[in-house]
Amino acid sequence: MSKMRLSRLRQLIFGFYMSGIMSLLMSGVITFINTGIDGEFHYRWGPAFLVAWAVAFPLVTFIAPLAGKMTEFTMRRFD
């Protein structure tokens, strides 16, 4: 596999994991804040997580390169 394809694959895998972890945590926190924890919590959290991940994964995939460029721009100011 070419270096370019490996780099793109790495970005997609990173986005998959990052968006999944962040969606899991944030949907759990927001579900807890909005409804509290009871016996039905996981039934509310699961669908909230799936919706959050469905939105987050494409956003992370497209926004991560922009965030990387913004980081490089910011860090150059410290040189």
Protein backbone atom coordinates (compact mmCIF):
# COMPACT_ATOMS: atom_id res chain seq x y z
CA MET A 1 0.00 0.00 0.00
CA SER A 2 1.34 3.46 -0.87
CA LYS A 3 2.31 5.95 1.81
CA MET A 4 -0.53 8.24 0.76
CA ARG A 5 -3.11 5.46 1.12
CA LEU A 6 -1.67 4.42 4.48
CA SER A 7 -1.82 8.02 5.67
CA ARG A 8 -5.46 8.33 4.61
CA LEU A 9 -6.31 4.99 6.22
CA ARG A 10 -4.61 6.14 9.43
CA GLN A 11 -6.74 9.31 9.43
CA LEU A 12 -9.94 7.29 8.99
CA ILE A 13 -9.05 4.83 11.75
CA PHE A 14 -8.06 7.69 14.07
CA GLY A 15 -11.36 9.44 13.31
CA PHE A 16 -13.28 6.22 13.94
CA TYR A 17 -11.76 5.73 17.38
CA MET A 18 -11.71 9.41 18.40
CA SER A 19 -15.29 10.07 17.38
CA GLY A 20 -16.46 6.84 18.99
CA ILE A 21 -14.79 7.53 22.32
CA MET A 22 -15.86 11.17 22.43
CA SER A 23 -19.44 10.32 21.39
CA LEU A 24 -19.67 7.59 24.02
CA LEU A 25 -18.45 9.87 26.80
CA MET A 26 -20.32 13.01 25.79
CA SER A 27 -23.63 11.24 25.13
CA GLY A 28 -23.32 9.53 28.51
CA VAL A 29 -22.65 12.79 30.33
CA ILE A 30 -25.43 14.68 28.54
CA THR A 31 -27.92 11.83 29.03
CA PHE A 32 -27.00 11.75 32.73
CA ILE A 33 -27.39 15.53 33.10
CA ASN A 34 -30.74 15.56 31.29
CA THR A 35 -32.37 12.45 32.75
CA GLY A 36 -30.29 11.14 35.67
CA ILE A 37 -29.28 7.53 36.24
CA ASP A 38 -31.94 4.91 36.80
CA GLY A 39 -32.72 1.43 35.54
CA GLU A 40 -33.55 2.75 32.07
CA PHE A 41 -30.41 4.89 31.65
CA HIS A 42 -28.65 2.56 29.22
CA TYR A 43 -31.78 2.41 27.04
CA ARG A 44 -31.59 6.18 26.62
CA TRP A 45 -27.80 6.35 26.37
CA GLY A 46 -27.46 3.74 23.61
CA PRO A 47 -29.55 5.52 20.98
CA ALA A 48 -28.08 8.90 21.97
CA PHE A 49 -24.59 7.47 21.46
CA LEU A 50 -25.44 6.05 18.03
CA VAL A 51 -26.85 9.37 16.83
CA ALA A 52 -23.85 11.26 18.23
CA TRP A 53 -21.39 8.88 16.57
CA ALA A 54 -23.21 9.04 13.24
CA VAL A 55 -22.72 12.82 13.31
CA ALA A 56 -19.25 12.89 14.90
CA PHE A 57 -17.42 10.43 12.63
CA PRO A 58 -17.90 12.35 9.37
CA LEU A 59 -17.22 15.64 11.15
CA VAL A 60 -13.98 14.38 12.70
CA THR A 61 -12.92 12.92 9.36
CA PHE A 62 -13.27 16.27 7.62
CA ILE A 63 -12.35 18.61 10.46
CA ALA A 64 -9.20 16.82 11.72
CA PRO A 65 -7.02 18.00 8.80
CA LEU A 66 -8.19 21.58 9.36
CA ALA A 67 -7.50 21.30 13.09
CA GLY A 68 -4.02 19.96 12.28
CA LYS A 69 -3.29 22.94 10.02
CA MET A 70 -4.57 25.36 12.67
CA THR A 71 -2.33 23.67 15.25
CA GLU A 72 0.72 23.97 13.00
CA PHE A 73 -0.08 27.64 12.38
CA THR A 74 -0.40 28.30 16.11
CA MET A 75 2.77 26.39 16.97
CA ARG A 76 4.82 28.36 14.41
CA ARG A 77 4.14 31.44 16.50
CA PHE A 78 6.18 29.85 19.31
CA ASP A 79 9.29 29.32 17.14
